[in-house]
Amino acid sequence: MKRITVLLVDDHEIVREGIRKLLELEDDLEVIGEAKNGRQAVVMVEKLRPAVVVMDIGMSLLNGLEAVRQILKIVPGTKIIILSAHTDSAYVKNSTDSGAVGFVLKQASILDLCAGIQEVNKGNTFFCPFFAKLHLECERKSFDQAGRPKLRHACLNSREMEVLQLIAEGEATKQIAAELGISMKTVERHREHLMKKLNIHTIAGLTRYAIGAGIIESSVQLTIV
């Protein structure tokens, strides 16, 4: 039997270890790697070519949603399941918009995750029972009609998304430049483009937007003026 190769991506080591041990009890699944953030995941997917990636959303440096987009540009055939503690259906919508084909709650059972991995590997989509009905509703109507803010980050390119996340995480211009390997002037240019595209003109506003869009978790930034 050919085993389904899996890459685990989560910023909590204890979570990755627990999931790995449970998945390895399944005869048809093989965990071939672990990543602690989205940026590391992109590199590892290109190197290891797993059949399925199990991806958290809220991670430092590069969040799960942007990592999904970058992975699918490099290895389009990769199947990605979001594994998150978030129960808001907006996260499901943002995940599928990014290219993920499955969504499983961390509160769900390991049986749900195993079933999800097996289904997406076959070319199907998978949503744990909690979200199955909500996903169908999201497909029929926009968030505007549902009373939720329509997110605007579809107009941002990958580098702008990376800069936005680092700004929202409280990184200074010099730190962002060093992290991304670009000049400080380039960082400032990206920040100007972000503010123009999103019609947001303060760092606090960008941070609030990043939290609302699920780009970072609210716990990352403790104080927002």
Protein backbone atom coordinates (compact mmCIF):
# COMPACT_ATOMS: atom_id res chain seq x y z
CA MET A 1 0.00 0.00 0.00
CA LYS A 2 1.36 3.42 -0.97
CA ARG A 3 1.28 5.69 2.06
CA ILE A 4 0.00 9.27 1.96
CA THR A 5 2.89 11.61 2.77
CA VAL A 6 2.04 14.44 5.17
CA LEU A 7 3.78 17.66 6.27
CA LEU A 8 2.67 19.12 9.63
CA VAL A 9 2.80 22.90 10.08
CA ASP A 10 2.11 24.39 13.51
CA ASP A 11 4.01 26.81 15.73
CA HIS A 12 3.48 24.66 18.84
CA GLU A 13 5.91 21.77 19.04
CA ILE A 14 3.76 19.81 21.47
CA VAL A 15 0.84 19.99 19.04
CA ARG A 16 2.98 18.72 16.15
CA GLU A 17 4.38 15.88 18.26
CA GLY A 18 0.91 14.80 19.38
CA ILE A 19 -0.54 14.85 15.87
CA ARG A 20 2.47 13.05 14.44
CA LYS A 21 2.19 10.20 16.95
CA LEU A 22 -1.52 9.80 16.27
CA LEU A 23 -1.18 9.92 12.49
CA GLU A 24 1.64 7.38 12.56
CA LEU A 25 -0.79 4.85 14.04
CA GLU A 26 -2.52 4.83 10.63
CA ASP A 27 -1.09 2.32 8.15
CA ASP A 28 -1.72 4.54 5.13
CA LEU A 29 -0.26 7.81 6.50
CA GLU A 30 3.38 8.90 6.81
CA VAL A 31 4.52 12.19 8.36
CA ILE A 32 7.63 13.17 6.40
CA GLY A 33 8.32 16.55 7.99
CA GLU A 34 7.33 19.31 10.38
CA ALA A 35 7.48 23.10 10.07
CA LYS A 36 6.96 25.71 12.77
CA ASN A 37 5.85 28.61 10.55
CA GLY A 38 4.56 29.33 7.08
CA ARG A 39 7.88 30.39 5.62
CA GLN A 40 9.54 27.17 6.69
CA ALA A 41 6.58 25.23 5.31
CA VAL A 42 6.98 26.76 1.83
CA VAL A 43 10.64 25.68 1.72
CA MET A 44 9.88 22.19 3.00
CA VAL A 45 7.03 21.58 0.56
CA GLU A 46 9.28 22.47 -2.37
CA LYS A 47 11.94 20.09 -1.03
CA LEU A 48 9.85 17.15 0.26
CA ARG A 49 6.79 17.32 -2.04
CA PRO A 50 4.26 15.92 0.47
CA ALA A 51 0.90 14.78 -0.85
CA VAL A 52 -0.96 16.62 1.92
CA VAL A 53 -0.06 19.57 4.16
CA VAL A 54 -1.83 20.04 7.50
CA MET A 55 -1.53 23.76 8.19
CA ASP A 56 -2.27 26.00 11.18
CA ILE A 57 -3.36 29.60 10.46
CA GLY A 58 -1.92 31.82 13.19
CA MET A 59 1.88 31.60 12.99
CA SER A 60 4.67 34.14 13.16
CA LEU A 61 6.71 35.36 10.15
CA LEU A 62 4.25 33.96 7.60
CA ASN A 63 0.69 32.97 8.46
CA GLY A 64 -0.98 29.82 7.19
CA LEU A 65 -3.23 31.51 4.64
CA GLU A 66 -0.40 33.23 2.82
CA ALA A 67 1.71 30.08 3.08
CA VAL A 68 -1.08 28.19 1.29
CA ARG A 69 -1.00 30.69 -1.59
CA GLN A 70 2.78 30.51 -1.91
CA ILE A 71 2.87 26.72 -1.72
CA LEU A 72 0.26 26.34 -4.45
CA LYS A 73 2.23 28.64 -6.74
CA ILE A 74 5.30 26.44 -6.33
CA VAL A 75 3.66 22.99 -6.16
CA PRO A 76 0.09 23.37 -7.49
CA GLY A 77 -0.84 19.74 -6.89
CA THR A 78 -0.34 19.92 -3.12
CA LYS A 79 -3.49 19.30 -1.08
CA ILE A 80 -3.75 21.53 1.99
CA ILE A 81 -5.96 21.09 5.05
CA ILE A 82 -6.27 23.92 7.55
CA LEU A 83 -6.18 22.71 11.16
CA SER A 84 -7.30 25.55 13.41
CA ALA A 85 -8.90 26.32 16.75
CA HIS A 86 -10.99 29.09 15.16
CA THR A 87 -14.71 28.32 14.95
CA ASP A 88 -15.68 31.45 12.99
CA SER A 89 -16.89 30.51 9.51
CA ALA A 90 -14.96 33.51 8.12
CA TYR A 91 -11.77 31.51 8.64
CA VAL A 92 -13.18 28.70 6.51
CA LYS A 93 -14.05 31.15 3.73
CA ASN A 94 -10.62 32.78 3.86
CA SER A 95 -8.96 29.36 3.84
CA THR A 96 -10.80 28.12 0.76
CA ASP A 97 -10.21 31.46 -0.98
CA SER A 98 -6.50 30.92 -0.37
CA GLY A 99 -6.65 27.47 -1.96
CA ALA A 100 -7.05 25.07 0.97
CA VAL A 101 -9.33 22.10 0.24
CA GLY A 102 -10.12 21.11 3.81
CA PHE A 103 -10.73 22.57 7.26
CA VAL A 104 -10.60 20.63 10.53
CA LEU A 105 -11.00 22.05 14.01
CA LYS A 106 -8.32 21.31 16.58
CA GLN A 107 -11.20 20.42 18.86
CA ALA A 108 -12.21 17.60 16.50
CA SER A 109 -11.10 13.99 16.83
CA ILE A 110 -8.04 12.50 15.15
CA LEU A 111 -10.48 10.38 13.13
CA ASP A 112 -11.76 13.56 11.47
CA LEU A 113 -8.23 14.64 10.57
CA CYS A 114 -7.33 11.21 9.18
CA ALA A 115 -10.53 11.15 7.14
CA GLY A 116 -9.75 14.63 5.86
CA ILE A 117 -6.25 13.69 4.77
CA GLN A 118 -7.56 10.62 2.97
CA GLU A 119 -10.35 12.53 1.22
CA VAL A 120 -8.28 15.47 -0.03
CA ASN A 121 -5.62 13.03 -1.25
CA LYS A 122 -8.33 11.53 -3.48
CA GLY A 123 -9.06 14.96 -4.94
CA ASN A 124 -12.10 15.72 -2.78
CA THR A 125 -12.76 18.51 -0.30
CA PHE A 126 -13.26 17.88 3.41
CA PHE A 127 -14.77 19.93 6.20
CA CYS A 128 -15.27 18.56 9.69
CA PRO A 129 -18.96 18.15 10.64
CA PHE A 130 -19.03 21.44 12.58
CA PHE A 131 -18.30 23.42 9.41
CA ALA A 132 -19.85 21.30 6.66
CA LYS A 133 -23.18 23.18 6.62
CA LEU A 134 -21.56 26.58 7.14
CA HIS A 135 -19.27 25.98 4.18
CA LEU A 136 -22.22 25.32 1.89
CA GLU A 137 -23.86 28.52 3.07
CA CYS A 138 -20.66 30.49 2.44
CA GLU A 139 -20.59 29.17 -1.11
CA ARG A 140 -24.08 30.56 -1.71
CA LYS A 141 -23.60 34.07 -0.40
CA SER A 142 -20.92 36.68 0.21
CA PHE A 143 -19.91 37.96 3.59
CA ASP A 144 -21.44 41.33 2.75
CA GLN A 145 -24.83 39.68 2.45
CA ALA A 146 -24.18 37.76 5.65
CA GLY A 147 -23.36 40.94 7.51
CA ARG A 148 -19.60 40.37 7.69
CA PRO A 149 -16.91 42.73 6.39
CA LYS A 150 -15.67 41.80 2.94
CA LEU A 151 -11.91 41.30 3.13
CA ARG A 152 -9.75 43.26 0.75
CA HIS A 153 -6.43 41.44 0.91
CA ALA A 154 -7.06 39.64 -2.40
CA CYS A 155 -5.59 42.77 -4.03
CA LEU A 156 -2.29 42.34 -2.15
CA ASN A 157 0.64 40.42 -3.57
CA SER A 158 2.64 37.90 -1.53
CA ARG A 159 5.38 40.31 -0.51
CA GLU A 160 2.83 42.89 0.63
CA MET A 161 1.10 40.21 2.70
CA GLU A 162 4.41 39.30 4.33
CA VAL A 163 5.16 42.95 5.13
CA LEU A 164 1.63 43.43 6.48
CA GLN A 165 2.00 40.49 8.85
CA LEU A 166 5.38 41.65 10.14
CA ILE A 167 4.09 45.20 10.65
CA ALA A 168 1.11 43.84 12.57
CA GLU A 169 3.43 41.71 14.69
CA GLY A 170 5.18 44.90 15.80
CA GLU A 171 8.39 44.56 13.76
CA ALA A 172 10.27 47.79 13.00
CA THR A 173 11.22 48.72 9.43
CA LYS A 174 14.85 47.66 9.98
CA GLN A 175 13.76 44.28 11.37
CA ILE A 176 11.37 43.67 8.47
CA ALA A 177 14.08 44.52 5.96
CA ALA A 178 16.48 42.07 7.59
CA GLU A 179 13.85 39.32 7.83
CA LEU A 180 12.84 39.59 4.17
CA GLY A 181 16.28 40.40 2.76
CA ILE A 182 15.19 43.73 1.26
CA SER A 183 16.14 47.37 1.85
CA MET A 184 14.44 49.64 4.37
CA LYS A 185 13.29 51.88 1.51
CA THR A 186 11.60 48.88 -0.12
CA VAL A 187 9.82 48.08 3.15
CA GLU A 188 8.62 51.69 3.37
CA ARG A 189 7.40 51.48 -0.24
CA HIS A 190 5.45 48.30 0.51
CA ARG A 191 3.91 49.94 3.58
CA GLU A 192 2.79 52.92 1.47
CA HIS A 193 1.24 50.56 -1.09
CA LEU A 194 -0.54 48.63 1.66
CA MET A 195 -2.07 51.75 3.11
CA LYS A 196 -3.17 52.96 -0.32
CA LYS A 197 -4.67 49.63 -1.42
CA LEU A 198 -6.49 49.02 1.87
CA ASN A 199 -7.36 52.69 2.44
CA ILE A 200 -5.86 52.42 5.93
CA HIS A 201 -3.42 55.11 6.99
CA THR A 202 -2.07 54.12 10.41
CA ILE A 203 -0.01 51.20 11.74
CA ALA A 204 -2.72 50.58 14.34
CA GLY A 205 -5.27 50.38 11.53
CA LEU A 206 -3.15 47.89 9.60
CA THR A 207 -2.79 45.81 12.76
CA ARG A 208 -6.55 45.78 13.39
CA TYR A 209 -7.11 44.80 9.77
CA ALA A 210 -4.57 41.96 10.01
CA ILE A 211 -6.29 40.60 13.11
CA GLY A 212 -9.75 40.85 11.56
CA ALA A 213 -8.56 39.14 8.39
CA GLY A 214 -6.99 36.27 10.32
CA ILE A 215 -3.49 37.21 9.16
CA ILE A 216 -2.33 37.31 12.77
CA GLU A 217 -4.04 36.29 16.00
CA SER A 218 -5.13 38.98 18.45
CA SER A 219 -2.74 37.62 21.08
CA VAL A 220 0.26 38.59 18.92
CA GLN A 221 -0.26 42.30 19.39
CA LEU A 222 -1.16 43.07 22.99
CA THR A 223 -1.78 46.79 22.65
CA ILE A 224 -3.40 48.53 19.72
CA VAL A 225 -3.82 52.29 20.02
